[in-house]
Amino acid sequence: MKKYRLTDQRTLLGIVSKLTTTVLQDRDTKQKFTLINPVAVNDILKSVHITIETTEPMVSKPKSLVCVLKENRVELRVKPVNPYQDDLLQVYEILIEPLERSAKRAAIEDISAYDLKMAQTADLGTVISIYGKTSIINQALNQWQIHLEQVLTNFGYFIKKVQIGFYYAADTQLMEALATSKAPYYVRDANRRIFYTDRGFYSPKKLSEIYVRSYLDSLLLSNTKSTLIFPFFANGKVLLGYFEIISNLPDLGNPVLQSNIEGPEGIGPLLSFLDQKAEEFVFQLEFAYAKDWETIIRTTPVRDISQDGRGIGMTLPKGTNIDGRPIGSPVSFQLKINSSPYTFFGSLRSLKKGDNDTTNIGLQIFQCDKPEGMSLLSTYASNLIGEAVS
């Protein structure tokens, strides 16, 4: 059965608004909820937030809310916005699955992927610890530092600079502690000595008071008022490095972080954004060192495409051998859009058995061999989904 994955803010808000008169169930606990106050939030992620209500005490925070309409099964994938507010959720994706009687409408049935290949990845941690910052890594660092500075500045942050480092070279008490804890770290205001310690952030109380005082003094000497250090990981959740975001103003120069850090446009969307960017950055490094590309299959049907074109599902026929391929393996494949071939590159995100000994795989797409490829795929996917669920 085909599923249509919707991610665009306007589309999500439109669907959620229509479900405010419908009772939805938590997919896991089966507890019933109703939705109120759907709203589009102008944060760095362009989020959609909902408030949920239930007539009984909440068993657990839902991760997925489901309902069955006349022709479709609708699933809202949600996550908390604020750890202190159980009923406020972000809808980050909606899955629409046509019921059997209407499945024939799905134009996605006719899409195939060609020349699917997978590669072995080098152990990035070993490469970096042995060779340090190679020319490939230095080039990626420069590009991503500029990219993050521009994006954050465009969304209302006052950024002095962004640095990307690796923990193999940790040579200060703070960096050694962060490497051990694998936690983020946030100095909100060096002048007023204010830190952020919720959501698993590292607390400076674990360091000596003399060291913390010296560290804050060094920040002020360089005119740094706030610093956010966010870790990133290679495959297998192996700690690799960190994004260090530095500002001359408190709270990264963002008035929302200063006034309402746990609000809908506060630290939560920023962390989610950095998590996405960290994943994409690590892929770029892994892809640069990928080797031994192997053809898995020449052609295979596409099962679903996300609305933003960055997620794709495929069904591999019986006998396709991808056993032992770890999640995160680099992948490449071709799609024909408007009769022209485009090669997309990404990583393996899920792998499970399907019907009749087939194998269902999910891929995350990060780049294309042609500059316009990613935007074309997004438009293509949106049009397909619009035709299928209209």
Foldseek 3Di string as FASTA:
>chain_A
DFKEKEADLVVVLVVLVVQQVPWWAQPPPRFIKHWDDWDFDPALRRWIKIFIDHPDPDPDQGQWIWDQDDFWIKIFGWDDLFPVRRGMIIGRMMMIGTDPVQNVLQPLQPWKWFQKKFFDFDDVQVCCLVPNCDPLNVVLQVVVFVVVCVSVVVRQFAFPTKGKDWLSPDDDPVSVVCLVQVAKWKQQFLVVRDTDCPPPHDDCVVPDPVVSVVVSVVCVVVLWTMKIWHWAAAPPRHTTITMITTHSDGRRRHVCQVPPQSDNRHDRVVNVVVHVVSLLSNLSVRVVRTDDMDGQDGMWRWRYAYLQRFKTKTKADAPRDPPPPDWFIKMWIWTADPNRIKIWIWTWHDWDADPPRIIMTMTGTRDIPDPCVSVSSNVVSNVSVVSSPD
